[in-house]
Amino acid sequence: MNNKGFLRTLESIIAIIMVLGFILFITPSKTLSTGEVPGTVEASQNLILEEFANNKTYRGCILQSKADSCRSSAISPCNIYFEDFIGKSIPAGYEYNCEICPSAVSCVSSLSIPPDKTVYARDTFVSGNPPKVFRVYMWER
């Protein structure tokens, strides 16, 4: 048996395995999205929903709202309150939209939410006569 040839072959195989292992180790692996809401978005949504559920002015605006979108083109004091508070509360680099619905199902068909982005939605139930659901959508710019 030729020991020199056997050792050279074994050495080559080990070198190939080491090079492939190194390449696999340094190549970035694609991270799979776990569907978790980023912490800044979650904190912002919690702040907005708590304020809208507990503040009498915002609650009254939600319960008296005739429009489905809280960013409708109609200028009203309520829309100004909504835009002002939410605009200041969202994290930098994010956009938002919101809706006011009489049921848990989304009621705005023409809501301007980008279809190619990951959208984070949260809602709160506002009891009254009639009860309403206030929903906030956020996505990265």
C-alpha atoms as a PDB file:
ATOM      1  CA  MET A   1       0.000   0.000   0.000  1.00  0.00           C
ATOM      2  CA  ASN A   2       1.239   3.444  -0.944  1.00  0.00           C
ATOM      3  CA  ASN A   3       1.140   5.423   2.328  1.00  0.00           C
ATOM      4  CA  LYS A   4       2.214   8.703   0.729  1.00  0.00           C
ATOM      5  CA  GLY A   5      -0.668   8.695  -1.769  1.00  0.00           C
ATOM      6  CA  PHE A   6      -3.187   7.680   0.899  1.00  0.00           C
ATOM      7  CA  LEU A   7      -2.098  10.485   3.218  1.00  0.00           C
ATOM      8  CA  ARG A   8      -2.221  13.074   0.411  1.00  0.00           C
ATOM      9  CA  THR A   9      -5.768  11.989  -0.507  1.00  0.00           C
ATOM     10  CA  LEU A  10      -6.890  12.094   3.137  1.00  0.00           C
ATOM     11  CA  GLU A  11      -5.240  15.510   3.547  1.00  0.00           C
ATOM     12  CA  SER A  12      -7.072  16.820   0.462  1.00  0.00           C
ATOM     13  CA  ILE A  13     -10.444  15.560   1.709  1.00  0.00           C
ATOM     14  CA  ILE A  14      -9.916  17.168   5.120  1.00  0.00           C
ATOM     15  CA  ALA A  15      -8.882  20.469   3.458  1.00  0.00           C
ATOM     16  CA  ILE A  16     -12.008  20.444   1.258  1.00  0.00           C
ATOM     17  CA  ILE A  17     -14.233  19.780   4.283  1.00  0.00           C
ATOM     18  CA  MET A  18     -12.564  22.603   6.228  1.00  0.00           C
ATOM     19  CA  VAL A  19     -12.961  25.088   3.333  1.00  0.00           C
ATOM     20  CA  LEU A  20     -16.650  24.175   2.874  1.00  0.00           C
ATOM     21  CA  GLY A  21     -17.222  24.445   6.630  1.00  0.00           C
ATOM     22  CA  PHE A  22     -15.595  27.884   6.675  1.00  0.00           C
ATOM     23  CA  ILE A  23     -17.693  29.067   3.713  1.00  0.00           C
ATOM     24  CA  LEU A  24     -20.905  27.830   5.348  1.00  0.00           C
ATOM     25  CA  PHE A  25     -19.924  29.494   8.612  1.00  0.00           C
ATOM     26  CA  ILE A  26     -19.225  32.952   7.175  1.00  0.00           C
ATOM     27  CA  THR A  27     -22.134  33.122   4.704  1.00  0.00           C
ATOM     28  CA  PRO A  28     -24.991  35.104   6.224  1.00  0.00           C
ATOM     29  CA  SER A  29     -28.055  33.039   6.798  1.00  0.00           C
ATOM     30  CA  LYS A  30     -31.393  34.543   5.847  1.00  0.00           C
ATOM     31  CA  THR A  31     -33.303  35.234   9.032  1.00  0.00           C
ATOM     32  CA  LEU A  32     -36.873  34.125   8.975  1.00  0.00           C
ATOM     33  CA  SER A  33     -39.423  36.612  10.213  1.00  0.00           C
ATOM     34  CA  THR A  34     -41.045  35.369  13.385  1.00  0.00           C
ATOM     35  CA  GLY A  35     -43.964  37.743  13.063  1.00  0.00           C
ATOM     36  CA  GLU A  36     -43.022  39.584  16.222  1.00  0.00           C
ATOM     37  CA  VAL A  37     -43.911  43.244  16.497  1.00  0.00           C
ATOM     38  CA  PRO A  38     -40.857  45.479  17.017  1.00  0.00           C
ATOM     39  CA  GLY A  39     -40.665  46.846  20.558  1.00  0.00           C
ATOM     40  CA  THR A  40     -40.917  50.493  19.521  1.00  0.00           C
ATOM     41  CA  VAL A  41     -44.045  49.839  17.456  1.00  0.00           C
ATOM     42  CA  GLU A  42     -45.685  47.830  20.224  1.00  0.00           C
ATOM     43  CA  ALA A  43     -44.932  50.502  22.829  1.00  0.00           C
ATOM     44  CA  SER A  44     -46.235  53.233  20.528  1.00  0.00           C
ATOM     45  CA  GLN A  45     -49.433  51.332  19.746  1.00  0.00           C
ATOM     46  CA  ASN A  46     -50.024  50.636  23.453  1.00  0.00           C
ATOM     47  CA  LEU A  47     -49.567  54.339  24.281  1.00  0.00           C
ATOM     48  CA  ILE A  48     -51.951  55.435  21.512  1.00  0.00           C
ATOM     49  CA  LEU A  49     -54.659  52.891  22.336  1.00  0.00           C
ATOM     50  CA  GLU A  50     -54.509  53.533  26.076  1.00  0.00           C
ATOM     51  CA  GLU A  51     -54.787  57.285  25.522  1.00  0.00           C
ATOM     52  CA  PHE A  52     -57.693  56.894  23.098  1.00  0.00           C
ATOM     53  CA  ALA A  53     -59.495  54.491  25.427  1.00  0.00           C
ATOM     54  CA  ASN A  54     -59.058  56.621  28.562  1.00  0.00           C
ATOM     55  CA  ASN A  55     -59.164  60.239  27.330  1.00  0.00           C
ATOM     56  CA  LYS A  56     -62.761  61.538  27.315  1.00  0.00           C
ATOM     57  CA  THR A  57     -62.161  63.877  24.366  1.00  0.00           C
ATOM     58  CA  TYR A  58     -60.765  61.112  22.171  1.00  0.00           C
ATOM     59  CA  ARG A  59     -63.469  58.651  23.292  1.00  0.00           C
ATOM     60  CA  GLY A  60     -66.161  61.169  22.433  1.00  0.00           C
ATOM     61  CA  CYS A  61     -64.629  61.770  19.011  1.00  0.00           C
ATOM     62  CA  ILE A  62     -64.487  58.038  18.324  1.00  0.00           C
ATOM     63  CA  LEU A  63     -68.072  57.432  19.421  1.00  0.00           C
ATOM     64  CA  GLN A  64     -69.443  60.414  17.456  1.00  0.00           C
ATOM     65  CA  SER A  65     -67.384  59.774  14.332  1.00  0.00           C
ATOM     66  CA  LYS A  66     -69.341  59.328  11.112  1.00  0.00           C
ATOM     67  CA  ALA A  67     -66.234  58.686   8.984  1.00  0.00           C
ATOM     68  CA  ASP A  68     -64.579  55.284   8.904  1.00  0.00           C
ATOM     69  CA  SER A  69     -61.049  56.593   8.587  1.00  0.00           C
ATOM     70  CA  CYS A  70     -59.636  58.862  11.249  1.00  0.00           C
ATOM     71  CA  ARG A  71     -57.431  60.419   8.560  1.00  0.00           C
ATOM     72  CA  SER A  72     -60.290  61.393   6.283  1.00  0.00           C
ATOM     73  CA  SER A  73     -60.063  64.486   4.135  1.00  0.00           C
ATOM     74  CA  ALA A  74     -62.818  66.219   6.079  1.00  0.00           C
ATOM     75  CA  ILE A  75     -61.355  68.790   8.435  1.00  0.00           C
ATOM     76  CA  SER A  76     -62.842  68.336  11.869  1.00  0.00           C
ATOM     77  CA  PRO A  77     -61.495  68.935  15.369  1.00  0.00           C
ATOM     78  CA  CYS A  78     -61.478  65.179  15.972  1.00  0.00           C
ATOM     79  CA  ASN A  79     -59.356  64.447  12.899  1.00  0.00           C
ATOM     80  CA  ILE A  80     -56.937  67.168  13.962  1.00  0.00           C
ATOM     81  CA  TYR A  81     -56.732  65.624  17.462  1.00  0.00           C
ATOM     82  CA  PHE A  82     -56.147  62.154  15.961  1.00  0.00           C
ATOM     83  CA  GLU A  83     -53.493  63.286  13.473  1.00  0.00           C
ATOM     84  CA  ASP A  84     -51.698  65.436  16.041  1.00  0.00           C
ATOM     85  CA  PHE A  85     -51.511  62.841  18.820  1.00  0.00           C
ATOM     86  CA  ILE A  86     -50.777  59.799  16.656  1.00  0.00           C
ATOM     87  CA  GLY A  87     -48.290  61.710  14.506  1.00  0.00           C
ATOM     88  CA  LYS A  88     -46.297  62.612  17.624  1.00  0.00           C
ATOM     89  CA  SER A  89     -46.552  59.113  19.111  1.00  0.00           C
ATOM     90  CA  ILE A  90     -45.357  56.898  16.258  1.00  0.00           C
ATOM     91  CA  PRO A  91     -41.695  55.878  16.111  1.00  0.00           C
ATOM     92  CA  ALA A  92     -39.353  57.537  13.613  1.00  0.00           C
ATOM     93  CA  GLY A  93     -39.254  55.797  10.253  1.00  0.00           C
ATOM     94  CA  TYR A  94     -42.841  54.541  10.436  1.00  0.00           C
ATOM     95  CA  GLU A  95     -46.083  55.623   8.837  1.00  0.00           C
ATOM     96  CA  TYR A  96     -49.586  54.997  10.102  1.00  0.00           C
ATOM     97  CA  ASN A  97     -53.253  54.928   9.318  1.00  0.00           C
ATOM     98  CA  CYS A  98     -56.234  54.326  11.536  1.00  0.00           C
ATOM     99  CA  GLU A  99     -59.910  53.497  11.295  1.00  0.00           C
ATOM    100  CA  ILE A 100     -63.047  53.658  13.385  1.00  0.00           C
ATOM    101  CA  CYS A 101     -65.461  50.769  12.792  1.00  0.00           C
ATOM    102  CA  PRO A 102     -68.767  49.683  14.291  1.00  0.00           C
ATOM    103  CA  SER A 103     -67.577  46.042  14.259  1.00  0.00           C
ATOM    104  CA  ALA A 104     -64.382  44.053  14.725  1.00  0.00           C
ATOM    105  CA  VAL A 105     -64.041  43.599  10.956  1.00  0.00           C
ATOM    106  CA  SER A 106     -62.146  46.260   9.027  1.00  0.00           C
ATOM    107  CA  CYS A 107     -64.647  48.660   7.521  1.00  0.00           C
ATOM    108  CA  VAL A 108     -62.469  50.772   5.232  1.00  0.00           C
ATOM    109  CA  SER A 109     -61.855  49.272   1.824  1.00  0.00           C
ATOM    110  CA  SER A 110     -59.788  52.156   0.482  1.00  0.00           C
ATOM    111  CA  LEU A 111     -57.451  52.436   3.460  1.00  0.00           C
ATOM    112  CA  SER A 112     -54.048  53.464   2.139  1.00  0.00           C
ATOM    113  CA  ILE A 113     -51.928  50.632   3.475  1.00  0.00           C
ATOM    114  CA  PRO A 114     -49.072  49.423   1.280  1.00  0.00           C
ATOM    115  CA  PRO A 115     -49.509  45.798   0.166  1.00  0.00           C
ATOM    116  CA  ASP A 116     -45.743  45.185  -0.026  1.00  0.00           C
ATOM    117  CA  LYS A 117     -44.927  46.108   3.593  1.00  0.00           C
ATOM    118  CA  THR A 118     -45.275  44.336   6.916  1.00  0.00           C
ATOM    119  CA  VAL A 119     -48.182  46.065   8.634  1.00  0.00           C
ATOM    120  CA  TYR A 120     -48.637  45.974  12.411  1.00  0.00           C
ATOM    121  CA  ALA A 121     -52.234  46.442  13.554  1.00  0.00           C
ATOM    122  CA  ARG A 122     -53.709  46.885  17.029  1.00  0.00           C
ATOM    123  CA  ASP A 123     -57.193  47.860  18.084  1.00  0.00           C
ATOM    124  CA  THR A 124     -59.258  48.715  21.099  1.00  0.00           C
ATOM    125  CA  PHE A 125     -62.966  48.492  21.786  1.00  0.00           C
ATOM    126  CA  VAL A 126     -64.623  51.741  22.850  1.00  0.00           C
ATOM    127  CA  SER A 127     -67.934  51.115  24.557  1.00  0.00           C
ATOM    128  CA  GLY A 128     -70.747  53.553  23.999  1.00  0.00           C
ATOM    129  CA  ASN A 129     -73.922  53.874  22.021  1.00  0.00           C
ATOM    130  CA  PRO A 130     -73.156  52.528  19.450  1.00  0.00           C
ATOM    131  CA  PRO A 131     -69.851  50.845  20.408  1.00  0.00           C
ATOM    132  CA  LYS A 132     -66.874  51.342  18.092  1.00  0.00           C
ATOM    133  CA  VAL A 133     -63.533  49.715  17.383  1.00  0.00           C
ATOM    134  CA  PHE A 134     -60.533  52.008  16.990  1.00  0.00           C
ATOM    135  CA  ARG A 135     -57.707  50.391  14.984  1.00  0.00           C
ATOM    136  CA  VAL A 136     -54.160  51.663  14.318  1.00  0.00           C
ATOM    137  CA  TYR A 137     -51.968  50.348  11.487  1.00  0.00           C
ATOM    138  CA  MET A 138     -48.201  50.996  11.354  1.00  0.00           C
ATOM    139  CA  TRP A 139     -45.549  50.084   8.793  1.00  0.00           C
ATOM    140  CA  GLU A 140     -41.990  51.058   7.940  1.00  0.00           C
ATOM    141  CA  ARG A 141     -41.461  53.783   5.350  1.00  0.00           C
END
